[in-house]
Amino acid sequence: ASIGQAHLVKWHGQPAVVKVKYPDADEMLRADFWCLETLLWLLSRTEALSLVSLLRRQFEIELDYAQEAEHLREAHAALAASEFNDRVVIPEPIPELTRGNVVGMTYLPGPKLESVLRARLEALGVNLQGRSFDDVLRATQQNAGNGGREVVQTEGIGESSGHGADTNVALPSSRLARWGLGLARLLGLDLVMVLLRLSIDAKLWARSLLARKSHSEACSGAANLDLAATLKLLLDVHGFQLFFCPFFNGDPHPGNILLLPDGRVGLIDFGQCKRITDEQRAAFAHLFLALADAPALGTSKAADERIATAFEATGCRSVNSDVQFLALLPRLMFGSFQQEWFEPGYLKQVLTSDRIESMPPHMVMAYRASMLLRGLCLTMQHNVSIADAWSVWAQRWLQIAT
């Protein structure tokens, strides 16, 4: 849930941003986790209870605005000294405006990427009904898993909704979803994505002609945005964070990404970050390299065993240590979507053979970042592999580390 409200202010004659934490944010977050932990205790789900307890401690970091200011300072300095310094910018904290439940930072102009994506979703026929983009990402994933129901209910919170709010997002009908799956079987998933992207681009181009008269920034931006370059930049900078920064941001949703007028991309909201050790970083590197360009599950026993071993080396454990299960799960977490995943019974056969017993918080946070970035790319009709994108940075880090 959103724990604070950002305000645009003037500081020494220049625009700045002051984020103020809601008075009951601490209590509400801890109450939510207490309810969840109590339920898991009553159900005797001890393995899940230990994971949720670890996550609670991680999420409590976001309540510390002094820590967020430090994250901003370190991230700003790291990117300013990197190859991204002319393409990506992070606001600097303003110490004089940071104290207690308030954090101040420099102002970055420009619309959120979320507003541009809304125009693409509407062109695709998705009725957002005033909901946040996070709700749409969650609903889209549930919709895919439930056979394309017309309306998916998600248990989620947007920027302006209350804790535990139910959301309804109208998605394309099940008939359309089945038609799309049939076309994917015939032409291939990636080709269907390309055709869909070209169709939406044509719609948005036509709408942008009208938007110039009505000054619609979102529709015009959706038509003019260089999708491939923007997505590659976002994947690269987050891969860079994971391997070459003291921490990585686990919350790269479209509402935290700005499109600046000078063409740069702005990254905001560094409350939900995770620091990792070099040992954990090395385990990530070996996992992404094992996943990169790996053949489909079951095609190569050696490749599956390599992925399963690398996954366990990150600290993840399953009850039965089933190789097929441990080789599939990281593919689902960090790989591109594969056509066979949508075949009836394919995933169920493997995923019901075992279950996760423990997963360390740094892996959960990396998966969260992967899920948000991959969902962002899918919304723009790009089927990407996070592992492939981050393996480049993994290889570079391993060469330097060794």
Foldseek 3Di string as FASTA:
>chain_A
DDQWDKDWDADPNAIKIKIFGDPCSVVVLVVVLVVVLVVCVVVVVVLVNVQSVQVSVLLVLLQDQVVLLVVQQQLQVLCCPDPCVVFEHEWHWDVVQDDDRMTMTGDFDFDFLQLLLVLLQVLVVKAAVPFGVVQVLVQVVVCLVVQRDQKGWDQDDGNPGDHRDIDIIGDDHSVVVVVLLVVCVVPNLLVSLVVSLVSSLVVLVVVLVVCVVVVPPNSVCNNPPPLVVVLLVVLQVQLCCLQPGQKGALDQARRQWGQGPVRHIYGYDRSNIDGDDVQLLLLLLQLLVLLAPQDDQPPDPVSLQSNLVSQVSNVWDKDVSDSSLSSVVVCVQFNFDGSCVSPPPPVVVNNVVIGTSHDRPVVVSVSSSRSNSQSVCVSSSHGGGSSNSSNVVSVVSVVVVD
